[in-house]
Structures are given as structure tokens and as C-alpha cells.
Protein backbone atom coordinates (compact mmCIF):
# COMPACT_ATOMS: atom_id res chain seq x y z
CA MET A 1 -14.62 10.64 -17.99
CA SER A 2 -17.63 8.56 -18.97
CA ALA A 3 -20.34 10.14 -21.02
CA ALA A 4 -23.37 9.09 -19.00
CA LYS A 5 -23.89 9.65 -15.28
CA PRO A 6 -25.96 7.22 -13.18
CA GLN A 7 -29.42 8.29 -12.02
CA ALA A 8 -29.66 6.07 -8.93
CA GLY A 9 -30.07 8.83 -6.36
CA THR A 10 -27.86 9.81 -3.46
CA MET A 11 -26.87 8.60 -0.01
CA LEU A 12 -25.43 10.94 2.62
CA GLY A 13 -25.26 13.60 -0.08
CA HIS A 14 -23.17 11.48 -2.48
CA PRO A 15 -24.11 9.30 -5.48
CA LYS A 16 -24.97 5.77 -4.37
CA GLY A 17 -22.33 4.52 -6.80
CA LEU A 18 -19.67 5.89 -4.43
CA PHE A 19 -20.67 3.40 -1.76
CA LEU A 20 -20.63 0.59 -4.30
CA LEU A 21 -17.03 1.47 -5.20
CA PHE A 22 -16.20 1.95 -1.52
CA THR A 23 -17.43 -1.56 -0.68
CA THR A 24 -15.79 -3.12 -3.75
CA GLU A 25 -12.42 -1.63 -2.86
CA LEU A 26 -12.82 -2.48 0.83
CA TRP A 27 -13.16 -6.19 0.04
CA GLU A 28 -10.38 -6.14 -2.54
CA ARG A 29 -7.99 -4.50 -0.07
CA PHE A 30 -9.12 -6.97 2.59
CA SER A 31 -8.20 -9.78 0.21
CA TYR A 32 -4.77 -8.36 -0.68
CA TYR A 33 -3.70 -7.43 2.86
CA ALA A 34 -4.94 -10.73 4.29
CA MET A 35 -2.73 -12.56 1.81
CA ARG A 36 0.21 -10.22 2.45
CA ALA A 37 -0.08 -10.72 6.21
CA ILE A 38 0.54 -14.47 5.98
CA LEU A 39 2.72 -14.75 2.86
CA VAL A 40 6.17 -14.87 4.49
CA LEU A 41 4.80 -16.84 7.46
CA TYR A 42 3.56 -19.51 5.03
CA LEU A 43 6.87 -19.58 3.18
CA VAL A 44 9.01 -20.13 6.29
CA ASP A 45 6.70 -22.57 8.08
CA LYS A 46 7.82 -26.19 8.13
CA VAL A 47 6.69 -28.44 5.30
CA GLN A 48 3.72 -30.70 5.93
CA SER A 49 5.84 -33.84 6.40
CA GLU A 50 7.55 -32.12 9.36
CA GLY A 51 4.30 -31.09 11.02
CA GLY A 52 3.94 -27.67 9.43
CA HIS A 53 1.70 -26.06 6.83
CA GLY A 54 4.21 -24.17 4.72
CA LEU A 55 6.94 -24.55 2.12
CA GLY A 56 9.92 -24.67 4.48
CA TRP A 57 11.90 -21.80 2.92
CA THR A 58 14.65 -19.92 4.74
CA GLN A 59 13.74 -16.48 6.04
CA ALA A 60 16.18 -14.86 3.61
CA ASP A 61 14.63 -16.55 0.57
CA ALA A 62 11.11 -15.76 1.80
CA LEU A 63 11.87 -12.06 2.26
CA ASP A 64 13.60 -11.83 -1.11
CA LEU A 65 10.54 -13.35 -2.79
CA TYR A 66 8.28 -11.01 -0.81
CA GLY A 67 10.20 -8.00 -2.13
CA THR A 68 9.94 -9.22 -5.72
CA PHE A 69 6.21 -9.86 -5.38
CA THR A 70 5.34 -6.49 -3.82
CA GLY A 71 7.59 -4.71 -6.32
CA LEU A 72 5.70 -6.24 -9.24
CA VAL A 73 2.41 -5.34 -7.53
CA TYR A 74 3.34 -1.66 -8.01
CA LEU A 75 4.44 -2.05 -11.63
CA THR A 76 1.61 -4.01 -13.22
CA PRO A 77 -1.03 -1.26 -12.64
CA LEU A 78 0.75 0.72 -15.36
CA PHE A 79 -0.29 -1.93 -17.89
CA GLY A 80 -3.71 -2.42 -16.31
CA GLY A 81 -4.45 1.27 -16.62
CA TRP A 82 -3.40 1.27 -20.29
CA ILE A 83 -5.61 -1.74 -21.06
CA ALA A 84 -8.61 -0.09 -19.40
CA ASP A 85 -8.01 3.28 -21.10
CA ASN A 86 -7.41 1.90 -24.58
CA LEU A 87 -9.15 -1.47 -24.91
CA LEU A 88 -11.70 -2.63 -22.33
CA GLY A 89 -12.85 0.25 -20.15
CA GLN A 90 -12.58 0.26 -16.36
CA ARG A 91 -15.56 -1.96 -15.57
CA LYS A 92 -14.53 -4.96 -17.69
CA THR A 93 -10.91 -4.61 -16.63
CA ILE A 94 -11.91 -4.64 -12.96
CA ILE A 95 -14.05 -7.75 -13.39
CA ILE A 96 -11.27 -9.63 -15.20
CA GLY A 97 -8.66 -8.47 -12.69
CA GLY A 98 -10.85 -9.38 -9.73
CA ALA A 99 -11.54 -12.84 -11.14
CA LEU A 100 -7.81 -13.44 -11.63
CA MET A 101 -7.06 -12.27 -8.10
CA ALA A 102 -9.70 -14.58 -6.64
CA ALA A 103 -8.31 -17.46 -8.71
CA GLY A 104 -4.79 -16.67 -7.51
CA GLN A 105 -5.85 -16.67 -3.86
CA PHE A 106 -7.61 -20.02 -4.26
CA MET A 107 -4.56 -21.45 -6.01
CA LEU A 108 -2.44 -20.42 -3.03
CA GLY A 109 -5.07 -22.00 -0.79
CA THR A 110 -5.12 -25.34 -2.63
CA PRO A 111 -4.46 -28.02 0.04
CA HIS A 112 -1.09 -29.73 -0.33
CA ALA A 113 -2.85 -33.10 -0.24
CA TRP A 114 -4.56 -32.22 -3.52
CA VAL A 115 -1.34 -31.41 -5.37
CA PRO A 116 1.33 -33.69 -3.87
CA GLY A 117 4.77 -32.76 -5.21
CA MET A 118 3.38 -29.66 -6.95
CA GLU A 119 3.11 -27.29 -3.97
CA THR A 120 5.82 -24.89 -5.16
CA GLU A 121 4.56 -24.85 -8.76
CA MET A 122 1.01 -24.13 -7.57
CA PHE A 123 2.34 -21.38 -5.31
CA TYR A 124 4.19 -19.62 -8.13
CA ALA A 125 1.18 -19.95 -10.43
CA GLY A 126 -1.02 -18.39 -7.77
CA LEU A 127 1.37 -15.47 -7.21
CA PHE A 128 1.67 -14.83 -10.95
CA THR A 129 -2.12 -14.82 -11.33
CA LEU A 130 -2.44 -12.45 -8.38
CA ILE A 131 0.11 -10.03 -9.82
CA ILE A 132 -1.64 -9.86 -13.20
CA GLY A 133 -5.08 -9.55 -11.61
CA ASN A 134 -3.88 -6.83 -9.26
CA GLY A 135 -2.49 -4.86 -12.19
CA LEU A 136 -5.86 -4.93 -13.92
CA PHE A 137 -7.92 -4.12 -10.83
CA LYS A 138 -5.96 -1.59 -8.80
CA PRO A 139 -5.65 1.51 -11.02
CA ASN A 140 -9.24 1.63 -12.25
CA ILE A 141 -11.54 1.86 -9.23
CA SER A 142 -10.37 5.33 -8.15
CA THR A 143 -10.78 6.65 -11.68
CA MET A 144 -14.47 5.75 -11.56
CA VAL A 145 -14.85 7.57 -8.21
CA GLY A 146 -13.81 10.79 -9.95
CA ASP A 147 -16.15 10.05 -12.86
CA LEU A 148 -19.18 10.09 -10.55
CA TYR A 149 -18.87 13.87 -10.26
CA GLU A 150 -18.93 16.72 -12.74
CA GLU A 151 -15.88 18.97 -12.96
CA GLY A 152 -15.98 21.52 -10.16
CA ASP A 153 -18.36 19.49 -7.95
CA HIS A 154 -17.40 20.41 -4.39
CA ARG A 155 -18.34 16.91 -3.17
CA ARG A 156 -15.50 15.26 -5.07
CA ASP A 157 -12.81 15.68 -2.39
CA GLY A 158 -15.15 14.36 0.27
CA ALA A 159 -15.87 11.37 -1.94
CA PHE A 160 -12.22 10.42 -2.04
CA THR A 161 -12.03 10.79 1.74
CA ILE A 162 -14.85 8.23 2.09
CA PHE A 163 -13.24 5.98 -0.52
CA TYR A 164 -9.83 6.03 1.18
CA MET A 165 -11.47 5.17 4.49
CA GLY A 166 -12.76 2.05 2.76
CA ILE A 167 -9.20 1.09 1.90
CA ASN A 168 -8.09 1.49 5.50
CA VAL A 169 -11.10 -0.37 6.91
CA GLY A 170 -10.35 -3.29 4.58
CA ALA A 171 -6.67 -3.25 5.55
CA PHE A 172 -7.55 -3.13 9.25
CA LEU A 173 -9.98 -6.05 9.11
CA SER A 174 -7.69 -8.24 7.01
CA GLY A 175 -4.98 -9.02 9.56
CA ILE A 176 -7.46 -9.65 12.35
CA VAL A 177 -9.79 -11.87 10.33
CA VAL A 178 -7.13 -13.90 8.51
CA GLY A 179 -5.16 -14.41 11.74
CA SER A 180 -8.27 -15.67 13.49
CA VAL A 181 -9.07 -18.02 10.60
CA VAL A 182 -5.54 -19.45 10.53
CA ASP A 183 -5.66 -20.01 14.29
CA ALA A 184 -9.09 -21.64 14.03
CA TYR A 185 -7.63 -24.13 11.52
CA ASP A 186 -4.63 -25.01 13.71
CA GLY A 187 -2.12 -22.82 11.90
CA ASN A 188 -3.15 -23.79 8.36
CA PHE A 189 -2.14 -20.79 6.28
CA GLN A 190 -3.94 -22.14 3.24
CA ALA A 191 -7.22 -21.58 5.07
CA GLY A 192 -6.12 -17.94 5.29
CA PHE A 193 -5.53 -17.73 1.53
CA ILE A 194 -9.00 -19.19 0.95
CA CYS A 195 -10.39 -16.53 3.31
CA ALA A 196 -8.65 -13.88 1.20
CA GLY A 197 -10.12 -15.44 -1.94
CA ILE A 198 -13.61 -15.27 -0.45
CA GLY A 199 -13.08 -11.56 0.18
CA MET A 200 -12.20 -11.06 -3.48
CA VAL A 201 -15.28 -13.02 -4.57
CA ALA A 202 -17.39 -10.74 -2.36
CA SER A 203 -15.90 -7.75 -4.17
CA LEU A 204 -16.79 -9.26 -7.54
CA LEU A 205 -20.34 -10.19 -6.54
CA ILE A 206 -21.01 -6.64 -5.38
CA GLN A 207 -19.88 -5.35 -8.77
CA PHE A 208 -22.02 -7.84 -10.69
CA ALA A 209 -25.11 -7.14 -8.59
CA PHE A 210 -25.12 -3.36 -8.42
CA ALA A 211 -22.71 -1.81 -10.94
CA GLN A 212 -25.13 -1.23 -13.78
CA LYS A 213 -27.82 0.21 -11.52
CA LEU A 214 -25.57 2.47 -9.47
CA LEU A 215 -22.85 3.40 -11.97
CA GLY A 216 -24.78 3.61 -15.23
CA ASP A 217 -22.35 3.74 -18.15
CA ILE A 218 -19.39 4.93 -16.06
CA GLY A 219 -16.32 2.86 -16.84
CA THR A 220 -17.83 1.00 -19.79
CA VAL A 221 -16.14 3.02 -22.56
CA PRO A 222 -12.32 3.17 -22.80
CA ALA A 223 -11.10 6.63 -21.80
CA ALA A 224 -8.90 6.91 -24.90
CA LYS A 225 -11.96 6.54 -27.12
CA LEU A 226 -13.75 9.32 -25.24
CA GLU A 227 -10.65 11.47 -25.42
CA ARG A 228 -10.39 11.02 -29.19
CA GLN A 229 -13.96 12.24 -29.51
CA ARG A 230 -13.02 15.60 -28.00
CA GLN A 231 -9.33 15.68 -28.93
CA THR A 232 -7.91 18.96 -30.11
CA GLU A 233 -4.56 19.36 -31.75
CA VAL A 234 -1.71 19.50 -29.23
CA ARG A 235 1.62 20.90 -30.32
CA LYS A 236 4.80 19.23 -29.10
CA GLU A 237 6.93 21.81 -27.38
CA PRO A 238 10.29 21.56 -25.59
CA LEU A 239 10.27 21.63 -21.80
CA THR A 240 10.63 25.08 -20.25
CA LYS A 241 13.07 25.83 -17.43
CA VAL A 242 10.21 25.81 -14.91
CA GLU A 243 9.09 22.39 -16.13
CA ARG A 244 12.62 21.02 -15.98
CA ASP A 245 13.04 22.29 -12.42
CA ARG A 246 9.77 20.69 -11.34
CA ILE A 247 10.84 17.37 -12.88
CA LYS A 248 14.04 17.61 -10.82
CA VAL A 249 11.89 17.81 -7.68
CA ILE A 250 10.00 14.66 -8.68
CA MET A 251 13.25 12.79 -9.27
CA VAL A 252 14.85 13.94 -5.99
CA LEU A 253 11.77 13.12 -3.92
CA GLY A 254 11.56 9.79 -5.75
CA LEU A 255 15.01 8.82 -4.45
CA PHE A 256 13.99 9.65 -0.88
CA THR A 257 10.77 7.72 -1.48
CA ILE A 258 12.84 4.59 -2.04
CA VAL A 259 14.48 5.06 1.35
CA PHE A 260 11.17 5.55 3.16
CA TRP A 261 9.21 2.68 1.67
CA ALA A 262 12.17 0.30 1.79
CA GLY A 263 12.06 0.77 5.56
CA PHE A 264 8.30 0.95 5.92
CA GLU A 265 7.71 -2.25 3.94
CA GLN A 266 9.64 -4.29 6.50
CA ALA A 267 6.19 -4.45 8.14
CA GLY A 268 4.97 -7.33 5.99
CA GLY A 269 8.36 -9.03 5.85
CA LEU A 270 11.09 -8.84 8.48
CA MET A 271 8.94 -7.24 11.20
CA ASN A 272 6.25 -9.85 10.56
CA LEU A 273 8.79 -12.64 11.12
CA PHE A 274 10.19 -10.87 14.20
CA THR A 275 6.67 -10.67 15.61
CA ASN A 276 6.14 -14.36 15.00
CA ASP A 277 9.48 -15.64 16.33
CA PHE A 278 10.79 -13.18 18.90
CA THR A 279 7.81 -11.37 20.45
CA ASP A 280 5.89 -12.29 23.58
CA ARG A 281 2.33 -12.09 22.33
CA MET A 282 0.65 -13.60 25.38
CA ILE A 283 -2.18 -11.78 27.17
CA GLY A 284 -2.95 -14.05 30.08
CA SER A 285 -3.44 -17.48 28.56
CA TRP A 286 -4.28 -16.12 25.07
CA GLU A 287 -1.71 -15.48 22.35
CA VAL A 288 -2.32 -12.56 20.00
CA PRO A 289 -2.09 -13.81 16.38
CA THR A 290 0.96 -12.51 14.52
CA THR A 291 -1.14 -11.06 11.70
CA TRP A 292 -3.11 -8.79 14.03
CA PHE A 293 -0.14 -6.44 14.22
CA GLN A 294 -0.48 -5.88 10.46
CA SER A 295 -3.75 -4.07 11.19
CA LEU A 296 -2.13 -1.44 13.42
CA ASN A 297 -1.06 0.81 10.54
CA ALA A 298 -4.58 1.12 9.11
CA MET A 299 -6.07 1.64 12.58
CA PHE A 300 -3.58 4.41 13.39
CA ILE A 301 -4.32 6.14 10.05
CA VAL A 302 -8.07 6.21 10.71
CA ILE A 303 -7.56 7.47 14.28
CA PHE A 304 -4.80 10.02 13.75
CA ALA A 305 -5.39 11.34 10.21
CA PRO A 306 -7.95 13.90 11.48
CA VAL A 307 -5.52 14.93 14.25
CA ILE A 308 -2.62 15.52 11.84
CA ALA A 309 -4.93 17.34 9.41
CA SER A 310 -6.09 19.63 12.21
CA ILE A 311 -2.49 20.36 13.26
CA TRP A 312 -1.47 21.42 9.74
CA VAL A 313 -4.52 23.70 9.40
CA ARG A 314 -4.02 25.31 12.82
CA MET A 315 -0.38 26.07 11.99
CA GLY A 316 -1.54 28.32 9.16
CA ASP A 317 1.39 30.09 7.50
CA ARG A 318 3.79 28.16 9.76
CA GLU A 319 2.78 24.86 8.17
CA PRO A 320 5.94 23.05 6.95
CA THR A 321 6.60 22.75 3.24
CA SER A 322 6.10 19.40 1.56
CA PRO A 323 9.85 18.52 1.48
CA VAL A 324 10.11 19.35 5.21
CA LYS A 325 7.13 17.10 5.95
CA PHE A 326 8.80 14.37 3.93
CA ALA A 327 12.01 14.86 5.91
CA LEU A 328 10.02 14.62 9.15
CA GLY A 329 8.43 11.41 7.86
CA LEU A 330 11.87 9.87 7.31
CA VAL A 331 12.98 10.80 10.83
CA LEU A 332 9.79 9.34 12.34
CA LEU A 333 10.40 6.14 10.37
CA GLY A 334 13.83 6.01 12.00
CA VAL A 335 12.29 6.52 15.44
CA GLY A 336 10.07 3.52 14.75
CA PHE A 337 13.14 1.38 14.16
CA LEU A 338 14.61 2.66 17.45
CA PHE A 339 11.71 0.79 19.06
CA MET A 340 12.64 -2.35 17.11
CA MET A 341 16.22 -1.95 18.34
CA GLY A 342 14.82 -1.66 21.87
CA ALA A 343 12.98 -4.94 21.36
CA VAL A 344 16.23 -6.70 20.44
CA ILE A 345 18.14 -5.11 23.32
CA GLU A 346 15.48 -6.31 25.77
CA MET A 347 16.18 -9.89 24.67
CA ASP A 348 19.87 -9.51 25.62
CA GLY A 349 21.06 -11.81 22.85
CA ASP A 350 18.93 -14.76 24.04
CA ALA A 351 16.21 -15.80 21.58
CA SER A 352 14.31 -17.51 24.39
CA ASN A 353 13.74 -14.14 26.06
CA LYS A 354 10.80 -12.86 24.05
CA SER A 355 10.46 -9.08 23.69
CA SER A 356 7.40 -7.09 24.74
CA MET A 357 4.77 -6.54 22.06
CA MET A 358 4.65 -2.87 23.09
CA TRP A 359 7.91 -2.31 21.19
CA LEU A 360 6.06 -3.36 18.02
CA VAL A 361 3.08 -1.14 18.78
CA GLY A 362 5.43 1.81 19.22
CA ALA A 363 7.28 1.02 15.99
CA TYR A 364 4.07 0.80 13.95
CA PHE A 365 2.78 4.00 15.55
CA PHE A 366 5.82 6.06 14.55
CA HIS A 367 5.94 4.46 11.10
CA THR A 368 2.33 5.53 10.58
CA MET A 369 3.05 9.05 11.83
CA GLY A 370 5.87 9.19 9.30
CA GLU A 371 3.53 7.96 6.59
CA LEU A 372 1.00 10.66 7.44
CA CYS A 373 3.70 13.32 7.10
CA LEU A 374 4.13 12.20 3.48
CA SER A 375 0.51 12.86 2.52
CA PRO A 376 1.18 16.02 0.44
CA ILE A 377 4.01 14.23 -1.35
CA GLY A 378 3.75 11.06 -3.44
CA LEU A 379 1.43 10.94 -6.39
CA SER A 380 -0.29 14.20 -5.46
CA MET A 381 3.01 16.03 -5.93
CA VAL A 382 3.54 14.31 -9.27
CA THR A 383 0.16 15.58 -10.46
CA LYS A 384 1.05 19.11 -9.31
CA LEU A 385 4.55 19.23 -10.77
CA ALA A 386 4.58 17.07 -13.91
CA PRO A 387 4.02 18.90 -17.23
CA LEU A 388 0.63 17.79 -18.55
CA ARG A 389 2.03 16.42 -21.81
CA ILE A 390 4.33 13.97 -19.97
CA ALA A 391 2.19 13.40 -16.86
CA SER A 392 1.75 9.69 -17.62
CA LEU A 393 5.49 9.25 -18.06
CA MET A 394 6.19 10.94 -14.72
CA MET A 395 3.51 8.82 -13.03
CA GLY A 396 5.19 5.74 -14.45
CA ALA A 397 8.52 6.93 -13.05
CA TRP A 398 6.91 7.31 -9.62
CA PHE A 399 5.51 3.77 -9.81
CA LEU A 400 9.03 2.62 -10.62
CA PHE A 401 10.42 4.32 -7.48
CA VAL A 402 7.84 2.55 -5.31
CA ALA A 403 8.50 -0.80 -7.03
CA VAL A 404 12.25 -0.42 -6.47
CA ALA A 405 11.59 0.43 -2.82
CA ASN A 406 9.65 -2.79 -2.31
CA LYS A 407 12.35 -4.88 -3.94
CA VAL A 408 14.99 -3.16 -1.80
CA ALA A 409 12.85 -3.86 1.29
CA GLY A 410 12.93 -7.58 0.55
CA PHE A 411 16.64 -7.52 -0.21
CA VAL A 412 17.49 -5.68 3.03
CA GLY A 413 15.25 -7.96 5.10
CA SER A 414 16.86 -11.05 3.60
CA PHE A 415 20.11 -10.22 5.44
CA ILE A 416 18.55 -11.82 8.51
CA GLY A 417 20.26 -14.91 7.12
CA HIS A 418 19.70 -18.33 5.60
CA GLY A 419 18.63 -20.43 8.55
CA GLY A 420 21.23 -20.56 11.30
CA ALA A 421 20.79 -20.24 15.03
CA ALA A 422 18.05 -17.99 16.38
CA GLU A 423 20.65 -15.89 18.21
CA GLU A 424 22.47 -15.30 14.92
CA GLN A 425 19.22 -14.21 13.26
CA LEU A 426 18.55 -11.90 16.20
CA ALA A 427 21.96 -10.26 15.82
CA ASN A 428 21.35 -9.83 12.09
CA ALA A 429 17.94 -8.28 12.79
CA MET A 430 19.61 -5.77 15.13
CA SER A 431 22.05 -4.82 12.37
CA ILE A 432 19.19 -4.35 9.89
CA PHE A 433 17.06 -2.26 12.27
CA SER A 434 19.99 -0.03 13.24
CA GLY A 435 21.06 0.33 9.61
CA ILE A 436 17.58 1.45 8.58
CA PHE A 437 17.44 3.84 11.55
CA ILE A 438 20.71 5.52 10.56
CA THR A 439 19.81 5.67 6.86
CA ALA A 440 16.32 7.07 7.49
CA VAL A 441 17.43 9.77 9.93
CA ALA A 442 20.43 10.78 7.81
CA SER A 443 18.20 10.98 4.73
CA GLY A 444 15.68 13.09 6.64
CA VAL A 445 18.37 15.54 7.76
CA LEU A 446 19.79 15.76 4.23
CA LEU A 447 16.35 16.38 2.74
CA TYR A 448 15.63 19.06 5.36
CA PHE A 449 18.69 21.02 4.27
CA MET A 450 17.69 20.58 0.61
CA SER A 451 14.07 21.64 1.18
CA ASP A 452 14.44 25.35 0.40
CA LYS A 453 16.07 24.59 -2.94
CA LEU A 454 13.35 22.06 -3.80
CA VAL A 455 10.64 24.60 -2.98
CA ASP A 456 12.38 27.10 -5.29
CA TRP A 457 12.37 24.49 -8.08
CA MET A 458 8.62 23.98 -7.60
CA HIS A 459 8.05 27.54 -8.85
CA GLY A 460 4.88 28.21 -6.88
CA ALA A 461 3.34 24.74 -6.90
CA GLU A 462 4.04 24.56 -3.16
CA ASP A 463 1.87 27.62 -2.47
CA ALA A 464 -1.41 25.74 -2.82
CA HIS A 465 -1.85 24.49 0.75
CA PRO A 466 -5.27 23.15 1.88
CA LYS A 467 -7.28 26.04 3.31
CA THR A 468 -9.85 24.05 5.29
CA GLU A 469 -9.67 21.20 7.77
CA GLU A 470 -11.80 19.07 5.43
CA GLU A 471 -9.31 19.47 2.57
CA ALA A 472 -6.40 18.67 4.88
CA LEU A 473 -8.20 15.55 6.16
CA GLU A 474 -8.73 14.38 2.57
CA GLU A 475 -4.98 14.59 2.02
CA GLU A 476 -4.17 12.71 5.22
CA VAL A 477 -6.51 9.74 4.75
CA ALA A 478 -5.34 9.47 1.14
CA VAL A 479 -1.91 8.44 2.33
CA THR A 480 -2.51 4.68 2.05
CA ALA A 481 -4.02 5.09 -1.38
CA GLU A 482 -1.04 7.18 -2.48
CA HIS A 483 1.34 4.48 -1.30
CA GLU A 484 -0.58 1.91 -3.32
CA GLY A 485 -0.47 4.03 -6.44
CA ILE A 486 -4.17 4.56 -7.04
CA LYS A 487 -4.63 8.23 -6.18
CA ASN A 488 -6.53 9.90 -8.98
């Protein structure tokens, strides 16, 4: 918590600094999701000498690299948070991280003609720079949102609702904008990376122009320094039985988390390639850009989060427990992959018979419904269950689960095969979709039967359900932020 609060006035009942952070995060998420939407498409596109704009990788290699990249994206914030808390403060760390992310995007967008023979080296350098920059930027914005409010300020939950909406707006715009830019430049994915870089520059410029005025001294002093100023002696005590039981819940839910996100993260990898290669995207004489489908998840969250929140509130005492909601989320994820199986079946083994895009819309819809059922879980459950003295360790363990899930997602998707005939890839995709369906549904059923025991191990932490529709909505729209590991 920073020592000095800004005195810049309010907007819509909230400090103006909230809308600065909202806009900063919106553009940063736009930049990241725009890049993610075209990453595997760029990797598998033909090399320039063959009339393409990519690196000419096999789909298997591209998806394996995608899994490694997204896995590291969820690990590096651990180090970025430590650097901000102990050395630089949030504001400086965000600026450095944002600058590195912008540089990484522009490195990815460097035209091949400028670096003949060095395309792959430039690509890896850009990814590495993005990973480091992301680690510095991601964990620190949400911390400053909380610092805008005094302890007990009733506006704080509403502030995070607004902030999370910014994340989803940025994610929604990214796929549409970057897809349109790539199409406008005749399929040149590097133009898309440059577009993503411009979004990151916009985020930085907003910080430079308004941070001091609207945030005051928030984020300028490392949190560890402030903590030392008010530190009282803390005795090291062994974990109690209640604490050990609650840690068991975190570990068990963490394992099921790997299953869920390993399936869900096929969106940017295998499902993205399926959309590009095997889906009829024509509406009349116009073809819907592949990347536009990446915006469906964010759109569905914004539309249906209030609906789901209202349902939980209206159920009252009949509202499912968190493990049951998680189990439902796994089953809904499986239902989404039933739609992907339907898309393959429609093609009848012939890659020239493109599947209807409505199968994809249905898959993304049910995946999002599953995601929304996980809103009380994730990082919010870690904060409720982890003993205070090892909260950071437990948060790190949760980051590790999400990172493993992303790596597993790439590994599973890579079974589509190394090149080969399109019909062979289609058969492999069917095996992957059906395998994820079976695993997700079986995991959901298993977790359902374990739910009562998990609730017992929570020792009362499960009793604190949201009591108002506003509180429930805050939980629902936080779901994307929880997935990304930035929930405060």
C-alpha cells in the first residue's frame, strides 16, 4: 500500500486513477491477445520464398512452442512481482516491462527483408523480450488498483469489476483489429505484430502522460520498504490441522486446474489452426478472419457474466459449492469439445469439406460458460485458504499449476502431427478433441464426488458466499483476470 493517495478527483464515483489503470491494462491486453491470436498462424504459414509470410514450421512444432511460450508467461510474473515489491516499485516496473513488451512485438514485426537469414533468431529474441516484459508488467497493475482505496472502502470491489471489464474489452478488440490489419496487408502477419506493438506503446504513453497526476505516489515506493516501516515481529509457528487441510484443497483443485486450462488453451493453438484450415468462414463473398474467433471468449464473458452472477444470487442457499462449480466448469469444457467433434464429423473425413463456423461458436460459448463457473475458484480460493505466512508460496504454486497447464495444452495440441496429409491431421484432431472431452467430463464427475470432502477440508472458508448481485458480478467478470494470474 502506497503512503500517499492521489488528489485528482473522481469520475463516476471512483478515483480518476482507476480509469487510467483501466485504459493502460486495456491496451496491454489488446497487445498481448493480438499477438497470441496470430502466433501459431505465423509459425505455420509458408516461408516468404514460397509465397507466404511465416516461418514454415509444422503444426506440431508450432503448438509445442506456443505451449512453452504461454507457460512462461504465467511464471515470469512471480519474479516481476518480487522486483516491484523489493527493488523498483510498481510504476517503474510497469514502464520497464511495457517498454520490453513493445520492443518484443516490434522485433516480431521486423520485415524478413530487413533481416535476411535471421528471421528465426529475431523471432526468438522477440519472444524472449516479450516474456520478460510481461513478467514485469502483468502482476503490478492490479496491485495499484487496490492501492487507490483505503481499507474498508466499499467502492473497491466495484473498482475491480470496472478494471476486469477493461481486460475483456482489450481481449475482444484484439482479435478483430489484428485480423483486419493482417487481411489489409495481404496476410502479412508481421503487420499484425506491429499493430500489437502500437497497442503497447499506447499503454506506455498513457502512463507517462497521466500517472503522476492521477496516481500521485501510488506504486513509486517498493511495497517491501513500506512493509518494513510498519513491520511487527511475526513468530514462526507450525501449520495447524485446519491449515494443512486447506492446503490440501489448494493442491487438489490445482490438479483439476491443469485439466481445465490444458483444454481451454487449445483456443489459441489447435482450435486456431482448425479455424484457419478446416472451417468454412464465408459469409456471402466475405471471409471472416481466423483471429476474429479469438474475440468470442471475451465477448461472451462481458455478455453472460451478469447473467451467471444473477443465477448464483437467486439460488440463495441452493447455490453450488465452489468445488461443484469447478466440476460443472470441467463438464461444460467437455461439452465445448463435443461441438469440435461435431465439426470434424460434418467433414466426413474429407478436408475439402469445410465445417460450419457455428460449431466453433458453440465450442467457445460452452468453454466460456465453463470458465465462468470457475470464478469462485482460482486465485480467489488461494487467498481464502492459504495461511497468511505462506500465502506467497501458495500463490507461486498456483502460478505453477497454470504454467504446467499451458505447456500441457501445447503438448496435447502438437499430436495433430508433423505435416502429413490434411485428412491425417483431421483424424488426429478428432482424437485430440475426443480425448479432451473424455478427460474433462471424467474429471468433472470425479471432482463432484470429492466436493463434500473438499468443503469439509475448507473448514468454513466456503461459507462466505457473495450476498449481493454486485458482489457476485465482481467475481464473475474477474474470471479472465484470475486465469491470467493478476487477481489482487
